[in-house]
Amino acid sequence: MNDFGKPSEKLILIVDDDDSVRELLEFVVKKEGFKVEKASDGKEAIDKARTVSPDLILLDLMLPKYGGFEILRELQGYETAEIPIIIITGKYTDRSTADMIKQEPNVKDFIEKPVKTNLLAATIHKILGTRP
């Protein structure tokens, strides 16, 4: 008996305001066998995180309605505090900002766009303890 979880038992919330990026991330996540929920802005992201209780959130930092930092803070509230987050950003982030983001308790990794799909898939499996 192995102690790896099955991807099909895990739900990933993809948060990005760019349709093409959201579709790419959804394609990668579904190809790895995970279930998907999507949000296109910060308010929807927080609402969905609370209602569907995802196992992981892929979060773009540049979003309408709330910025990524506000969302991170909000998600550290009670019911969503344990959800791991992978930050995905297209904005060039200097080292000090990246380090500051990585120190947030729920941020597990930081991936820059353009996303390397194999790196993203491996990171998700590592964080969730699953295997394809």
N, C-alpha and C. Protein backbone atom coordinates (compact mmCIF):
# COMPACT_ATOMS: atom_id res chain seq x y z
N MET A 1 0.85 -1.19 0.00
CA MET A 1 0.00 0.00 0.00
C MET A 1 0.89 1.25 0.00
N ASN A 2 0.69 2.15 -0.96
CA ASN A 2 1.51 3.37 -0.92
C ASN A 2 0.76 4.47 -0.19
N ASP A 3 1.50 5.49 0.23
CA ASP A 3 0.86 6.56 0.97
C ASP A 3 0.62 7.80 0.12
N PHE A 4 0.69 7.62 -1.20
CA PHE A 4 0.39 8.74 -2.09
C PHE A 4 -1.11 8.86 -2.27
N GLY A 5 -1.61 10.09 -2.32
CA GLY A 5 -3.02 10.30 -2.61
C GLY A 5 -3.26 10.21 -4.11
N LYS A 6 -4.50 10.07 -4.48
CA LYS A 6 -4.86 10.05 -5.89
C LYS A 6 -5.20 11.48 -6.32
N PRO A 7 -4.68 11.90 -7.46
CA PRO A 7 -5.03 13.25 -7.94
C PRO A 7 -6.54 13.45 -8.07
N SER A 8 -7.25 12.39 -8.45
CA SER A 8 -8.71 12.52 -8.67
C SER A 8 -9.47 12.87 -7.39
N GLU A 9 -8.80 12.72 -6.24
CA GLU A 9 -9.44 13.06 -4.96
C GLU A 9 -9.11 14.49 -4.53
N LYS A 10 -8.33 15.20 -5.34
CA LYS A 10 -7.87 16.55 -4.96
C LYS A 10 -8.48 17.60 -5.88
N LEU A 11 -8.85 18.73 -5.28
CA LEU A 11 -9.44 19.84 -6.03
C LEU A 11 -8.48 21.03 -6.01
N ILE A 12 -8.22 21.57 -7.19
CA ILE A 12 -7.33 22.72 -7.31
C ILE A 12 -8.11 23.92 -7.83
N LEU A 13 -7.97 25.04 -7.11
CA LEU A 13 -8.61 26.29 -7.53
C LEU A 13 -7.59 27.11 -8.31
N ILE A 14 -7.93 27.41 -9.56
CA ILE A 14 -7.06 28.20 -10.44
C ILE A 14 -7.59 29.63 -10.47
N VAL A 15 -6.74 30.59 -10.09
CA VAL A 15 -7.16 31.99 -10.04
C VAL A 15 -6.26 32.81 -10.96
N ASP A 16 -6.84 33.26 -12.08
CA ASP A 16 -6.10 34.10 -13.02
C ASP A 16 -7.12 34.88 -13.84
N ASP A 17 -6.86 36.15 -14.11
CA ASP A 17 -7.82 36.94 -14.88
C ASP A 17 -7.62 36.80 -16.38
N ASP A 18 -6.57 36.12 -16.80
CA ASP A 18 -6.28 35.93 -18.22
C ASP A 18 -6.85 34.57 -18.65
N ASP A 19 -7.82 34.61 -19.57
CA ASP A 19 -8.49 33.38 -20.01
C ASP A 19 -7.50 32.34 -20.54
N SER A 20 -6.54 32.79 -21.35
CA SER A 20 -5.63 31.82 -21.96
C SER A 20 -4.73 31.17 -20.92
N VAL A 21 -4.30 31.93 -19.92
CA VAL A 21 -3.48 31.37 -18.84
C VAL A 21 -4.32 30.40 -18.02
N ARG A 22 -5.55 30.80 -17.71
CA ARG A 22 -6.44 29.94 -16.93
C ARG A 22 -6.66 28.62 -17.67
N GLU A 23 -6.86 28.70 -18.99
CA GLU A 23 -7.07 27.48 -19.77
C GLU A 23 -5.83 26.60 -19.79
N LEU A 24 -4.66 27.20 -19.91
CA LEU A 24 -3.42 26.43 -19.89
C LEU A 24 -3.26 25.72 -18.54
N LEU A 25 -3.45 26.46 -17.46
CA LEU A 25 -3.31 25.88 -16.13
C LEU A 25 -4.34 24.77 -15.92
N GLU A 26 -5.56 25.00 -16.39
CA GLU A 26 -6.60 23.97 -16.26
C GLU A 26 -6.21 22.72 -17.04
N PHE A 27 -5.67 22.90 -18.25
CA PHE A 27 -5.24 21.77 -19.06
C PHE A 27 -4.18 20.94 -18.32
N VAL A 28 -3.18 21.62 -17.76
CA VAL A 28 -2.10 20.92 -17.04
C VAL A 28 -2.66 20.18 -15.83
N VAL A 29 -3.48 20.87 -15.05
CA VAL A 29 -4.01 20.30 -13.82
C VAL A 29 -4.91 19.10 -14.12
N LYS A 30 -5.78 19.22 -15.12
CA LYS A 30 -6.67 18.11 -15.48
C LYS A 30 -5.88 16.94 -16.07
N LYS A 31 -4.86 17.26 -16.87
CA LYS A 31 -4.02 16.21 -17.46
C LYS A 31 -3.36 15.37 -16.36
N GLU A 32 -3.04 16.01 -15.24
CA GLU A 32 -2.43 15.30 -14.12
C GLU A 32 -3.48 14.55 -13.29
N GLY A 33 -4.75 14.72 -13.63
CA GLY A 33 -5.80 13.95 -12.98
C GLY A 33 -6.56 14.66 -11.88
N PHE A 34 -6.27 15.94 -11.65
CA PHE A 34 -6.92 16.68 -10.57
C PHE A 34 -8.27 17.26 -11.01
N LYS A 35 -9.13 17.53 -10.03
CA LYS A 35 -10.38 18.25 -10.29
C LYS A 35 -10.06 19.75 -10.25
N VAL A 36 -10.86 20.53 -10.96
CA VAL A 36 -10.57 21.96 -11.11
C VAL A 36 -11.78 22.84 -10.81
N GLU A 37 -11.52 23.93 -10.12
CA GLU A 37 -12.46 25.05 -10.00
C GLU A 37 -11.68 26.26 -10.48
N LYS A 38 -12.38 27.27 -11.03
CA LYS A 38 -11.68 28.44 -11.54
C LYS A 38 -12.30 29.73 -11.01
N ALA A 39 -11.46 30.74 -10.91
CA ALA A 39 -11.93 32.08 -10.55
C ALA A 39 -11.12 33.08 -11.37
N SER A 40 -11.77 34.19 -11.75
CA SER A 40 -11.08 35.16 -12.60
C SER A 40 -10.79 36.48 -11.91
N ASP A 41 -11.20 36.61 -10.64
CA ASP A 41 -10.83 37.81 -9.91
C ASP A 41 -10.72 37.48 -8.42
N GLY A 42 -10.22 38.44 -7.66
CA GLY A 42 -9.93 38.21 -6.26
C GLY A 42 -11.14 37.88 -5.41
N LYS A 43 -12.25 38.57 -5.66
CA LYS A 43 -13.45 38.32 -4.86
C LYS A 43 -13.96 36.90 -5.10
N GLU A 44 -14.03 36.52 -6.37
CA GLU A 44 -14.49 35.17 -6.72
C GLU A 44 -13.54 34.12 -6.11
N ALA A 45 -12.25 34.42 -6.12
CA ALA A 45 -11.25 33.49 -5.56
C ALA A 45 -11.52 33.23 -4.08
N ILE A 46 -11.74 34.30 -3.33
CA ILE A 46 -11.98 34.16 -1.89
C ILE A 46 -13.29 33.43 -1.63
N ASP A 47 -14.34 33.81 -2.39
CA ASP A 47 -15.64 33.14 -2.22
C ASP A 47 -15.52 31.64 -2.50
N LYS A 48 -14.86 31.29 -3.61
CA LYS A 48 -14.73 29.87 -3.97
C LYS A 48 -13.85 29.13 -2.98
N ALA A 49 -12.78 29.76 -2.53
CA ALA A 49 -11.90 29.09 -1.56
C ALA A 49 -12.71 28.71 -0.32
N ARG A 50 -13.63 29.57 0.07
CA ARG A 50 -14.44 29.30 1.26
C ARG A 50 -15.53 28.26 1.00
N THR A 51 -16.10 28.26 -0.20
CA THR A 51 -17.23 27.37 -0.45
C THR A 51 -16.81 25.98 -0.92
N VAL A 52 -15.78 25.87 -1.76
CA VAL A 52 -15.41 24.55 -2.29
C VAL A 52 -14.24 23.91 -1.55
N SER A 53 -13.58 24.66 -0.65
CA SER A 53 -12.43 24.14 0.12
C SER A 53 -11.44 23.36 -0.74
N PRO A 54 -10.76 24.05 -1.66
CA PRO A 54 -9.80 23.35 -2.52
C PRO A 54 -8.62 22.81 -1.71
N ASP A 55 -7.94 21.82 -2.29
CA ASP A 55 -6.75 21.25 -1.65
C ASP A 55 -5.52 22.10 -1.94
N LEU A 56 -5.60 22.93 -2.99
CA LEU A 56 -4.48 23.77 -3.41
C LEU A 56 -5.04 24.92 -4.23
N ILE A 57 -4.38 26.08 -4.15
CA ILE A 57 -4.78 27.22 -4.98
C ILE A 57 -3.58 27.66 -5.82
N LEU A 58 -3.82 27.83 -7.13
CA LEU A 58 -2.83 28.45 -8.02
C LEU A 58 -3.29 29.89 -8.16
N LEU A 59 -2.49 30.83 -7.66
CA LEU A 59 -2.92 32.22 -7.55
C LEU A 59 -2.03 33.18 -8.32
N ASP A 60 -2.65 33.88 -9.27
CA ASP A 60 -1.97 34.98 -9.97
C ASP A 60 -1.97 36.18 -9.03
N LEU A 61 -0.89 36.95 -9.03
CA LEU A 61 -0.83 38.10 -8.12
C LEU A 61 -1.53 39.34 -8.66
N MET A 62 -1.60 39.46 -9.96
CA MET A 62 -2.18 40.66 -10.56
C MET A 62 -3.61 40.37 -10.97
N LEU A 63 -4.57 40.77 -10.11
CA LEU A 63 -5.97 40.46 -10.36
C LEU A 63 -6.85 41.68 -10.18
N PRO A 64 -7.99 41.72 -10.90
CA PRO A 64 -8.95 42.78 -10.64
C PRO A 64 -9.68 42.53 -9.32
N LYS A 65 -10.20 43.56 -8.72
CA LYS A 65 -11.01 43.56 -7.49
C LYS A 65 -10.22 43.40 -6.20
N TYR A 66 -9.18 42.59 -6.22
CA TYR A 66 -8.30 42.45 -5.06
C TYR A 66 -6.94 42.14 -5.63
N GLY A 67 -5.88 42.65 -5.03
CA GLY A 67 -4.55 42.24 -5.47
C GLY A 67 -4.19 40.92 -4.81
N GLY A 68 -3.16 40.30 -5.32
CA GLY A 68 -2.71 39.03 -4.77
C GLY A 68 -2.38 39.08 -3.29
N PHE A 69 -1.76 40.19 -2.85
CA PHE A 69 -1.39 40.30 -1.43
C PHE A 69 -2.63 40.32 -0.54
N GLU A 70 -3.66 41.07 -0.97
CA GLU A 70 -4.90 41.11 -0.19
C GLU A 70 -5.53 39.73 -0.11
N ILE A 71 -5.50 39.01 -1.22
CA ILE A 71 -6.07 37.66 -1.25
C ILE A 71 -5.29 36.74 -0.31
N LEU A 72 -3.96 36.82 -0.37
CA LEU A 72 -3.14 36.00 0.53
C LEU A 72 -3.51 36.24 1.98
N ARG A 73 -3.63 37.51 2.34
CA ARG A 73 -3.99 37.86 3.72
C ARG A 73 -5.37 37.30 4.08
N GLU A 74 -6.30 37.49 3.16
CA GLU A 74 -7.67 37.04 3.39
C GLU A 74 -7.73 35.52 3.55
N LEU A 75 -6.96 34.82 2.74
CA LEU A 75 -6.97 33.35 2.78
C LEU A 75 -6.28 32.79 4.03
N GLN A 76 -5.59 33.65 4.77
CA GLN A 76 -4.99 33.18 6.01
C GLN A 76 -5.99 33.18 7.15
N GLY A 77 -7.24 33.56 6.81
CA GLY A 77 -8.32 33.49 7.80
C GLY A 77 -8.66 32.05 8.12
N TYR A 78 -9.46 31.86 9.13
CA TYR A 78 -9.76 30.55 9.72
C TYR A 78 -9.92 29.40 8.75
N GLU A 79 -11.04 29.37 8.01
CA GLU A 79 -11.37 28.16 7.27
C GLU A 79 -10.45 27.91 6.07
N THR A 80 -9.75 28.92 5.61
CA THR A 80 -8.89 28.74 4.43
C THR A 80 -7.40 28.81 4.78
N ALA A 81 -7.07 28.94 6.05
CA ALA A 81 -5.67 29.14 6.46
C ALA A 81 -4.75 27.97 6.11
N GLU A 82 -5.31 26.76 6.02
CA GLU A 82 -4.48 25.58 5.78
C GLU A 82 -4.32 25.24 4.30
N ILE A 83 -4.97 25.99 3.42
CA ILE A 83 -4.89 25.66 1.99
C ILE A 83 -3.56 26.13 1.43
N PRO A 84 -2.74 25.20 0.88
CA PRO A 84 -1.47 25.62 0.28
C PRO A 84 -1.70 26.43 -1.00
N ILE A 85 -0.82 27.39 -1.23
CA ILE A 85 -0.95 28.27 -2.40
C ILE A 85 0.35 28.26 -3.18
N ILE A 86 0.21 28.14 -4.51
CA ILE A 86 1.35 28.35 -5.41
C ILE A 86 1.08 29.67 -6.11
N ILE A 87 1.99 30.63 -5.95
CA ILE A 87 1.86 31.92 -6.62
C ILE A 87 2.36 31.76 -8.05
N ILE A 88 1.55 32.26 -8.99
CA ILE A 88 1.96 32.26 -10.39
C ILE A 88 1.88 33.69 -10.86
N THR A 89 3.01 34.23 -11.28
CA THR A 89 3.00 35.64 -11.65
C THR A 89 3.77 35.91 -12.93
N GLY A 90 3.24 36.83 -13.71
CA GLY A 90 3.91 37.24 -14.94
C GLY A 90 4.71 38.50 -14.72
N LYS A 91 4.41 39.18 -13.65
CA LYS A 91 5.10 40.42 -13.34
C LYS A 91 6.49 40.07 -12.83
N TYR A 92 7.49 40.73 -13.38
CA TYR A 92 8.83 40.46 -12.86
C TYR A 92 8.84 40.86 -11.39
N THR A 93 9.25 39.95 -10.58
CA THR A 93 9.26 40.21 -9.14
C THR A 93 10.70 40.25 -8.66
N ASP A 94 11.07 41.32 -7.98
CA ASP A 94 12.43 41.37 -7.48
C ASP A 94 12.58 40.40 -6.31
N ARG A 95 13.81 40.09 -5.99
CA ARG A 95 14.09 39.06 -5.00
C ARG A 95 13.46 39.34 -3.65
N SER A 96 13.51 40.60 -3.20
CA SER A 96 12.97 40.90 -1.87
C SER A 96 11.45 40.70 -1.83
N THR A 97 10.76 41.07 -2.92
CA THR A 97 9.31 40.85 -2.96
C THR A 97 9.01 39.36 -3.00
N ALA A 98 9.75 38.62 -3.82
CA ALA A 98 9.55 37.17 -3.91
C ALA A 98 9.79 36.52 -2.55
N ASP A 99 10.85 36.93 -1.87
CA ASP A 99 11.16 36.37 -0.55
C ASP A 99 10.07 36.71 0.45
N MET A 100 9.53 37.93 0.36
CA MET A 100 8.47 38.34 1.27
C MET A 100 7.22 37.48 1.04
N ILE A 101 6.89 37.24 -0.23
CA ILE A 101 5.73 36.41 -0.55
C ILE A 101 5.93 34.99 -0.04
N LYS A 102 7.14 34.45 -0.24
CA LYS A 102 7.42 33.08 0.18
C LYS A 102 7.33 32.91 1.70
N GLN A 103 7.44 33.99 2.43
CA GLN A 103 7.36 33.89 3.89
C GLN A 103 5.92 33.83 4.39
N GLU A 104 4.96 34.09 3.51
CA GLU A 104 3.56 33.97 3.92
C GLU A 104 3.33 32.50 4.27
N PRO A 105 2.64 32.22 5.39
CA PRO A 105 2.53 30.84 5.86
C PRO A 105 1.84 29.88 4.89
N ASN A 106 0.92 30.38 4.06
CA ASN A 106 0.23 29.46 3.16
C ASN A 106 0.85 29.37 1.77
N VAL A 107 1.90 30.15 1.50
CA VAL A 107 2.56 30.10 0.19
C VAL A 107 3.62 29.00 0.19
N LYS A 108 3.44 28.02 -0.69
CA LYS A 108 4.36 26.88 -0.75
C LYS A 108 5.37 27.00 -1.87
N ASP A 109 5.03 27.76 -2.91
CA ASP A 109 5.97 27.91 -4.02
C ASP A 109 5.60 29.13 -4.83
N PHE A 110 6.48 29.48 -5.77
CA PHE A 110 6.40 30.71 -6.52
C PHE A 110 6.86 30.38 -7.93
N ILE A 111 6.00 30.49 -8.92
CA ILE A 111 6.35 30.13 -10.29
C ILE A 111 6.09 31.33 -11.19
N GLU A 112 7.08 31.67 -12.02
CA GLU A 112 6.91 32.80 -12.93
C GLU A 112 6.36 32.36 -14.27
N LYS A 113 5.57 33.25 -14.89
CA LYS A 113 5.10 33.02 -16.26
C LYS A 113 6.23 33.41 -17.20
N PRO A 114 6.35 32.81 -18.35
CA PRO A 114 5.52 31.70 -18.83
C PRO A 114 5.76 30.43 -18.00
N VAL A 115 4.67 29.78 -17.65
CA VAL A 115 4.72 28.62 -16.78
C VAL A 115 5.32 27.42 -17.52
N LYS A 116 6.29 26.79 -16.88
CA LYS A 116 6.83 25.54 -17.41
C LYS A 116 5.90 24.44 -16.88
N THR A 117 5.15 23.83 -17.79
CA THR A 117 4.08 22.92 -17.37
C THR A 117 4.58 21.71 -16.58
N ASN A 118 5.74 21.17 -16.97
CA ASN A 118 6.25 19.99 -16.22
C ASN A 118 6.68 20.38 -14.81
N LEU A 119 7.24 21.58 -14.65
CA LEU A 119 7.62 22.08 -13.33
C LEU A 119 6.37 22.29 -12.46
N LEU A 120 5.34 22.89 -13.06
CA LEU A 120 4.09 23.12 -12.33
C LEU A 120 3.49 21.78 -11.87
N ALA A 121 3.40 20.83 -12.78
CA ALA A 121 2.83 19.52 -12.44
C ALA A 121 3.61 18.86 -11.30
N ALA A 122 4.93 18.87 -11.40
CA ALA A 122 5.77 18.25 -10.36
C ALA A 122 5.58 18.96 -9.02
N THR A 123 5.48 20.28 -9.04
CA THR A 123 5.31 21.06 -7.81
C THR A 123 3.97 20.74 -7.15
N ILE A 124 2.92 20.66 -7.95
CA ILE A 124 1.59 20.34 -7.40
C ILE A 124 1.60 18.95 -6.74
N HIS A 125 2.16 17.96 -7.45
CA HIS A 125 2.21 16.60 -6.89
C HIS A 125 3.02 16.57 -5.59
N LYS A 126 4.12 17.32 -5.58
CA LYS A 126 4.97 17.34 -4.38
C LYS A 126 4.20 17.92 -3.19
N ILE A 127 3.55 19.06 -3.41
CA ILE A 127 2.83 19.72 -2.31
C ILE A 127 1.66 18.87 -1.82
N LEU A 128 0.94 18.25 -2.74
CA LEU A 128 -0.25 17.48 -2.36
C LEU A 128 0.04 16.02 -2.01
N GLY A 129 1.29 15.60 -2.22
CA GLY A 129 1.63 14.21 -1.91
C GLY A 129 0.92 13.22 -2.81
N THR A 130 0.78 13.58 -4.07
CA THR A 130 0.12 12.69 -5.03
C THR A 130 1.14 12.26 -6.07
N ARG A 131 0.74 11.30 -6.87
CA ARG A 131 1.57 10.95 -8.02
C ARG A 131 0.65 10.70 -9.21
N PRO A 132 1.16 11.03 -10.40
CA PRO A 132 0.30 10.93 -11.60
C PRO A 132 -0.10 9.49 -11.89
